[in-house]
Protein backbone atom coordinates (compact mmCIF):
# COMPACT_ATOMS: atom_id res chain seq x y z
CA MET A 1 23.24 -21.48 18.40
CA LEU A 2 24.35 -25.15 18.92
CA GLY A 3 26.15 -25.03 15.58
CA GLN A 4 28.62 -22.53 17.03
CA TYR A 5 29.74 -24.97 19.72
CA PHE A 6 29.46 -28.24 17.74
CA ASP A 7 33.23 -28.50 17.01
CA ILE A 8 34.04 -27.96 20.70
CA LEU A 9 31.58 -30.65 21.80
CA VAL A 10 33.02 -33.13 19.29
CA LEU A 11 36.56 -32.39 20.54
CA LEU A 12 35.53 -32.94 24.16
CA VAL A 13 33.90 -36.27 23.27
CA VAL A 14 37.05 -37.42 21.48
CA VAL A 15 39.24 -36.40 24.45
CA VAL A 16 37.01 -38.28 26.88
CA LEU A 17 37.16 -41.43 24.70
CA ILE A 18 40.96 -41.19 24.40
CA PHE A 19 41.28 -40.60 28.10
CA ASN A 20 39.14 -43.64 28.94
CA ARG A 21 41.07 -45.72 26.36
CA LEU A 22 44.37 -44.74 27.92
CA LYS A 23 43.10 -45.73 31.32
CA ALA A 24 42.08 -49.13 30.01
CA VAL A 25 45.44 -49.71 28.29
CA LEU A 26 47.55 -48.31 31.10
CA GLY A 27 45.76 -50.44 33.62
CA THR A 28 48.12 -53.34 32.73
CA ARG A 29 51.32 -51.30 33.26
CA PRO A 30 53.30 -50.80 36.50
CA GLU A 31 51.52 -48.61 39.00
CA SER A 32 54.04 -45.73 38.94
CA THR A 33 54.06 -45.58 35.12
CA GLN A 34 50.29 -45.83 35.03
CA LYS A 35 49.87 -43.09 37.63
CA GLN A 36 52.19 -40.71 35.74
CA ALA A 37 50.42 -41.37 32.46
CA GLU A 38 47.04 -40.79 34.06
CA GLU A 39 48.22 -37.50 35.56
CA ASN A 40 49.56 -36.36 32.18
CA ALA A 41 46.32 -37.35 30.47
CA ALA A 42 44.30 -35.59 33.17
CA LYS A 43 46.35 -32.39 32.70
CA LEU A 44 45.84 -32.57 28.96
CA PHE A 45 42.13 -33.07 29.49
CA ASP A 46 41.95 -30.08 31.86
CA LEU A 47 43.82 -27.86 29.37
CA ILE A 48 41.47 -28.80 26.54
CA VAL A 49 38.40 -28.24 28.73
CA LYS A 50 39.67 -24.81 29.84
CA GLU A 51 40.42 -23.82 26.24
CA ALA A 52 36.96 -24.96 25.20
CA GLN A 53 35.38 -22.90 28.00
CA GLN A 54 37.38 -19.80 26.97
CA ASN A 55 36.32 -20.24 23.35
CA GLN A 56 32.72 -20.63 24.44
CA GLN A 57 32.88 -17.43 26.54
CA SER A 58 34.51 -15.55 23.66
CA MET A 59 31.79 -16.70 21.25
CA ALA A 60 29.07 -15.74 23.75
CA ALA A 61 30.59 -12.26 24.12
CA GLN A 62 30.67 -11.86 20.35
CA VAL A 63 27.02 -12.93 20.10
CA VAL A 64 26.03 -10.40 22.81
CA SER A 65 27.96 -7.66 20.99
CA ILE A 66 26.27 -8.51 17.70
CA ASP A 67 22.84 -8.58 19.38
CA ASN A 68 23.45 -5.18 20.98
CA ASN A 69 24.50 -3.69 17.63
CA VAL A 70 21.37 -5.10 16.00
CA LEU A 71 19.18 -3.64 18.77
CA GLU A 72 20.79 -0.20 18.37
CA GLU A 73 20.24 -0.31 14.61
CA GLU A 74 16.60 -1.36 15.08
CA LYS A 75 16.09 1.40 17.68
CA THR A 76 17.47 4.01 15.27
CA GLU A 77 15.29 2.74 12.44
CA THR A 78 12.13 2.92 14.61
CA LEU A 79 12.71 6.55 15.68
CA SER A 80 9.93 8.82 14.48
CA ASP A 81 10.68 11.78 12.23
CA THR A 82 9.97 14.05 15.18
CA ASP A 83 12.50 12.26 17.41
CA LYS A 84 15.11 12.39 14.64
CA VAL A 85 14.66 16.17 14.41
CA LEU A 86 14.85 16.59 18.18
CA ASN A 87 18.00 14.46 18.33
CA SER A 88 19.62 16.69 15.71
CA ILE A 89 19.18 19.84 17.82
CA PRO A 90 22.44 20.62 19.67
CA ASN A 91 22.16 20.28 23.48
CA PHE A 92 18.41 19.70 23.27
CA ASP A 93 16.80 18.06 26.28
CA LYS A 94 13.18 16.99 25.81
CA ASN A 95 12.26 17.09 29.50
CA ASN A 96 13.81 20.52 30.03
CA PHE A 97 12.04 21.87 26.94
CA LEU A 98 8.62 20.60 28.06
CA SER A 99 9.19 21.96 31.55
CA GLY A 100 9.96 25.39 30.09
CA ALA A 101 7.05 25.16 27.63
CA LYS A 102 4.59 24.42 30.44
CA ARG A 103 5.87 27.34 32.46
CA ALA A 104 5.60 29.63 29.42
CA PHE A 105 2.04 28.39 28.84
CA GLU A 106 0.97 29.39 32.36
CA ILE A 107 2.62 32.81 32.14
CA ILE A 108 1.17 33.60 28.71
CA VAL A 109 -2.37 32.50 29.63
CA GLU A 110 -2.32 34.65 32.76
CA ALA A 111 -0.69 37.63 31.00
CA PHE A 112 -3.23 37.49 28.18
CA ALA A 113 -6.13 37.47 30.66
CA LYS A 114 -4.66 40.46 32.52
CA GLY A 115 -3.78 42.34 29.33
CA ASP A 116 -0.10 42.36 30.31
CA ILE A 117 1.45 43.30 26.96
CA ALA A 118 4.94 43.83 28.44
CA THR A 119 5.13 40.20 29.54
CA LEU A 120 3.64 38.86 26.31
CA GLU A 121 6.12 40.65 24.05
CA LYS A 122 8.97 38.79 25.76
CA LEU A 123 7.49 35.36 25.02
CA VAL A 124 5.68 35.59 21.67
CA ASN A 125 6.65 36.80 18.20
CA LYS A 126 5.41 40.06 16.67
CA ASN A 127 2.60 38.57 14.60
CA LEU A 128 1.08 36.71 17.53
CA LEU A 129 1.58 39.70 19.82
CA LYS A 130 -0.44 41.81 17.39
CA LYS A 131 -3.35 39.34 17.54
CA PHE A 132 -3.23 39.29 21.35
CA GLN A 133 -3.21 43.09 21.44
CA GLU A 134 -6.27 43.30 19.21
CA VAL A 135 -8.27 41.02 21.51
CA ILE A 136 -7.11 42.88 24.63
CA GLU A 137 -7.92 46.29 23.11
CA ASN A 138 -11.36 45.04 22.04
CA ARG A 139 -12.08 43.85 25.58
CA ASN A 140 -10.97 47.18 27.00
CA ALA A 141 -13.15 49.08 24.56
CA GLN A 142 -16.18 47.08 25.68
CA GLY A 143 -15.33 47.44 29.36
CA VAL A 144 -14.82 43.68 29.66
CA THR A 145 -12.21 42.09 31.91
CA ALA A 146 -10.94 38.53 31.75
CA GLU A 147 -9.94 36.21 34.55
CA ALA A 148 -8.01 32.97 34.12
CA ASP A 149 -7.43 30.55 36.97
CA PHE A 150 -4.95 27.91 35.82
CA ILE A 151 -5.43 24.59 37.66
CA GLY A 152 -2.88 22.26 36.08
CA PHE A 153 -1.86 20.09 33.15
CA ASN A 154 -3.34 16.76 32.16
CA LYS A 155 -0.96 16.51 29.23
CA ALA A 156 1.98 18.29 27.62
CA GLU A 157 3.43 16.43 24.65
CA ILE A 158 5.59 17.24 21.63
CA ILE A 159 3.60 16.09 18.60
CA LYS A 160 5.80 17.41 15.79
CA ALA A 161 9.15 19.04 15.13
CA LYS A 162 10.74 20.28 11.95
CA ILE A 163 13.71 22.29 10.76
CA GLY A 164 12.85 24.83 8.08
CA LYS A 165 14.73 27.43 6.09
CA ASN A 166 17.66 29.24 7.69
CA GLN A 167 17.93 26.47 10.32
CA VAL A 168 14.78 27.60 12.13
CA VAL A 169 13.32 24.85 14.33
CA LYS A 170 9.61 24.64 15.07
CA ILE A 171 8.31 22.40 17.82
CA ILE A 172 4.56 21.84 18.14
CA VAL A 173 3.26 20.97 21.60
CA GLU A 174 -0.20 19.76 22.57
CA PHE A 175 -1.33 21.00 25.99
CA VAL A 176 -4.36 19.64 27.79
CA SER A 177 -5.03 21.76 30.86
CA GLU A 178 -7.68 22.49 33.45
CA GLN A 179 -8.70 26.14 33.73
CA VAL A 180 -11.46 28.37 34.99
CA ASN A 181 -12.01 31.26 32.56
CA LEU A 182 -14.38 34.17 33.10
CA LEU A 183 -15.37 37.36 31.34
CA LYS A 184 -16.90 40.15 33.43
CA ASN A 185 -18.54 43.42 32.47
CA ASN A 186 -17.62 46.77 33.97
CA GLN A 187 -20.05 46.10 36.85
CA GLY A 188 -18.09 42.98 37.75
CA GLU A 189 -20.85 40.63 36.63
CA VAL A 190 -19.92 37.36 34.94
CA ILE A 191 -21.03 37.49 31.30
CA GLU A 192 -19.20 34.39 30.12
CA GLY A 193 -17.96 31.32 31.97
CA ASP A 194 -18.68 29.83 35.38
CA ASP A 195 -16.43 30.21 38.39
CA LYS A 196 -17.56 26.79 39.60
CA PHE A 197 -16.87 25.03 36.30
CA ILE A 198 -13.39 23.72 35.50
CA GLN A 199 -12.80 23.53 31.76
CA ASN A 200 -10.67 20.83 30.18
CA ILE A 201 -8.98 22.72 27.33
CA THR A 202 -6.77 21.43 24.51
CA ASP A 203 -4.31 23.88 22.96
CA VAL A 204 -1.76 23.28 20.21
CA TRP A 205 1.11 25.75 20.42
CA THR A 206 4.12 26.17 18.14
CA PHE A 207 7.45 27.29 19.56
CA GLU A 208 10.31 28.49 17.37
CA ARG A 209 14.06 29.07 17.64
CA ALA A 210 16.84 29.66 15.12
CA LEU A 211 19.74 27.24 15.56
CA THR A 212 22.11 29.91 14.27
CA SER A 213 21.05 32.36 17.00
CA SER A 214 23.00 32.80 20.22
CA ASN A 215 19.66 33.29 22.02
CA PRO A 216 18.67 29.92 23.57
CA ASN A 217 15.07 30.98 24.25
CA TRP A 218 12.09 29.58 22.38
CA ILE A 219 9.40 31.99 21.15
CA LEU A 220 5.70 31.19 20.79
CA VAL A 221 4.61 31.80 17.18
CA SER A 222 1.20 30.13 16.91
CA THR A 223 -1.74 29.01 19.06
CA LYS A 224 -4.64 26.78 18.06
CA LYS A 225 -7.52 25.18 19.90
């Protein structure tokens, strides 16, 4: 860094030496002539100092600009593949997406427990809806009812994102939530679960949306434990 200002420092030293030399020489001249010469030398000195300060400020600004550009380049290089995909999605907001995903999670868990097919078909794709229907129909056939009491989230994080064929984006989210889940027989007796036990459950869900579609909604296409 000192190398950038070395020429300026040398110039200032030379000016100071010349200024002091002039004072020594002019000390033998008449007072009025000496005073005028000193004032001229002082003005020259002030001009050189101001110019040196401006050059120094200009150099400092250039260094800051270069440093900022380097930081931006390093930041871009350190982005994960997932973040790069997310950044390429038009008008995508990570916080808004996770907020919507958490709300969808609650609705789907509750709808699945209640056997609410009408709600599920609005939020999941056909293949996943078919799997949900099979479980719900099997419960109904056995006279079993499910209850799900959603407590809250301990975690909701995007762990992967990718753009596949036909510009279809898939975003995989890991949810860690607290729930109380029960299964009861047709007499209302608990046959699975404990109403006093809060489960800490990890789910990995995949949401999907086509970038070419005018529909901004994300659809759940896969669930894993």
